[in-house]
Protein backbone atom coordinates (compact mmCIF):
# COMPACT_ATOMS: atom_id res chain seq x y z
CA MET A 1 6.04 7.63 2.95
CA ASP A 2 8.07 5.43 5.33
CA ALA A 3 5.99 2.58 5.62
CA PHE A 4 4.60 2.07 2.04
CA LYS A 5 8.36 2.16 0.15
CA GLU A 6 9.06 -0.48 3.02
CA VAL A 7 6.03 -2.26 2.02
CA GLU A 8 6.61 -1.74 -2.04
CA ARG A 9 10.11 -3.24 -1.81
CA ALA A 10 9.65 -6.36 1.11
CA LEU A 11 6.16 -7.48 -1.26
CA THR A 12 8.79 -6.99 -4.68
CA PHE A 13 11.39 -8.89 -2.37
CA GLU A 14 8.69 -11.57 -1.86
CA GLY A 15 7.44 -11.30 -5.64
CA ILE A 16 4.23 -9.60 -5.58
CA ILE A 17 4.45 -7.11 -7.57
CA PRO A 18 2.49 -3.82 -6.12
CA LEU A 19 -0.27 -1.55 -7.60
CA ALA A 20 0.69 1.36 -5.67
CA PRO A 21 -0.60 5.01 -6.22
CA ALA A 22 1.07 7.06 -7.74
CA ILE A 23 -0.37 10.22 -5.57
CA TYR A 24 -0.19 9.95 -2.20
CA GLY A 25 -2.46 12.94 -1.42
CA LYS A 26 -2.29 13.74 2.33
CA ALA A 27 1.24 12.47 3.21
CA GLU A 28 2.23 14.74 0.17
CA ASN A 29 0.72 17.97 1.49
CA VAL A 30 -0.95 17.87 -1.99
CA GLU A 31 -4.40 19.65 -2.63
CA TYR A 32 -5.86 18.85 -6.44
CA SER A 33 -9.36 19.79 -7.33
CA GLU A 34 -12.46 17.36 -7.11
CA GLU A 35 -12.27 16.33 -10.42
CA LEU A 36 -8.91 15.68 -9.80
CA ALA A 37 -9.93 13.66 -7.21
CA LYS A 38 -12.82 11.48 -8.27
CA ASN A 39 -11.05 10.47 -10.97
CA LEU A 40 -7.87 9.20 -8.45
CA PHE A 41 -10.39 7.77 -6.49
CA GLU A 42 -11.71 6.11 -9.08
CA LEU A 43 -8.48 4.47 -10.23
CA HIS A 44 -7.34 3.66 -7.26
CA GLN A 45 -10.21 1.65 -6.99
CA ASP A 46 -9.84 -0.03 -10.08
CA ARG A 47 -6.34 -1.74 -8.58
CA ILE A 48 -8.11 -3.13 -6.35
CA ARG A 49 -10.13 -4.84 -8.32
CA ILE A 50 -7.56 -5.85 -10.84
CA SER A 51 -5.38 -7.42 -7.47
CA ASP A 52 -4.97 -10.22 -6.15
CA GLY A 53 -5.30 -7.75 -2.91
CA ILE A 54 -4.81 -4.50 -0.31
CA PHE A 55 -1.98 -4.38 2.01
CA VAL A 56 -2.70 -1.85 4.75
CA ILE A 57 -0.55 0.98 5.21
CA ASP A 58 -1.88 1.02 9.18
CA VAL A 59 0.70 2.77 10.65
CA ASP A 60 -0.25 2.77 14.52
CA GLY A 61 -3.05 1.81 14.55
CA TYR A 62 -4.19 4.26 11.92
CA ILE A 63 -6.92 3.16 9.02
CA GLY A 64 -8.46 6.62 7.51
CA ASP A 65 -12.12 6.88 5.71
CA ALA A 66 -10.43 6.50 2.36
CA THR A 67 -8.45 2.78 4.00
CA LYS A 68 -11.74 2.15 5.45
CA LYS A 69 -13.19 1.84 1.51
CA ASP A 70 -10.50 -0.14 -0.35
CA ILE A 71 -10.90 -3.20 3.38
CA GLU A 72 -14.58 -2.48 2.04
CA LEU A 73 -14.32 -2.80 -1.40
CA ALA A 74 -11.84 -5.26 -0.22
CA GLU A 75 -13.55 -7.53 1.38
CA LYS A 76 -16.92 -7.20 -1.19
CA GLU A 77 -13.83 -8.48 -4.46
CA ASN A 78 -12.96 -11.69 -1.37
CA LYS A 79 -10.04 -9.55 -1.27
CA THR A 80 -6.68 -10.62 0.35
CA ILE A 81 -6.44 -7.78 3.53
CA ARG A 82 -2.22 -7.53 4.90
CA CYS A 83 -2.03 -5.22 7.60
CA TYR A 84 1.47 -3.30 7.80
CA SER A 85 0.72 -3.34 11.63
CA LYS A 86 0.55 -7.30 11.88
CA GLU A 87 3.15 -7.56 9.59
CA LYS A 88 5.61 -5.12 11.60
CA ASP A 89 8.15 -7.62 12.09
CA HIS A 90 7.95 -9.77 8.68
CA ILE A 91 8.67 -6.77 6.60
CA LYS A 92 11.93 -5.20 8.69
CA GLU A 93 13.06 -8.68 8.31
CA LEU A 94 12.23 -8.98 4.49
CA LEU A 95 14.09 -5.45 3.63
CA ASP A 96 17.29 -6.27 6.15
CA LYS A 97 17.62 -9.63 4.33
CA LEU A 98 17.21 -7.99 0.50
CA ASN A 99 19.70 -5.05 2.07
CA SER A 100 21.94 -7.68 3.61
CA SER A 101 22.24 -9.15 -0.27
CA PHE A 102 22.57 -5.72 -2.29
CA LYS A 103 26.56 -5.62 -3.45
CA LYS A 104 28.66 -2.16 -3.01
CA VAL A 105 29.15 -0.94 -6.33
């Protein structure tokens, strides 16, 4: 979950509008019905279709089955694919810049 939030903030700082999921199922230990799972999957696929690309959160190189499907769709739709494992240092630099620009109130 921390990596998702880091990437959302860094992309925003880059001037990109992240279309992040509202529910992170496994990461939040959330269980839901098959019908809701199907609806959430379809919404997520729609996010990919309307986006310019995807940012894969592959912490420690792990890519799950759902993410593999996201990558397949992004490739099919000719979307940009960026990966956390390749850009982790860049993300940290952006967040350091962002945090240093905040004024405490």
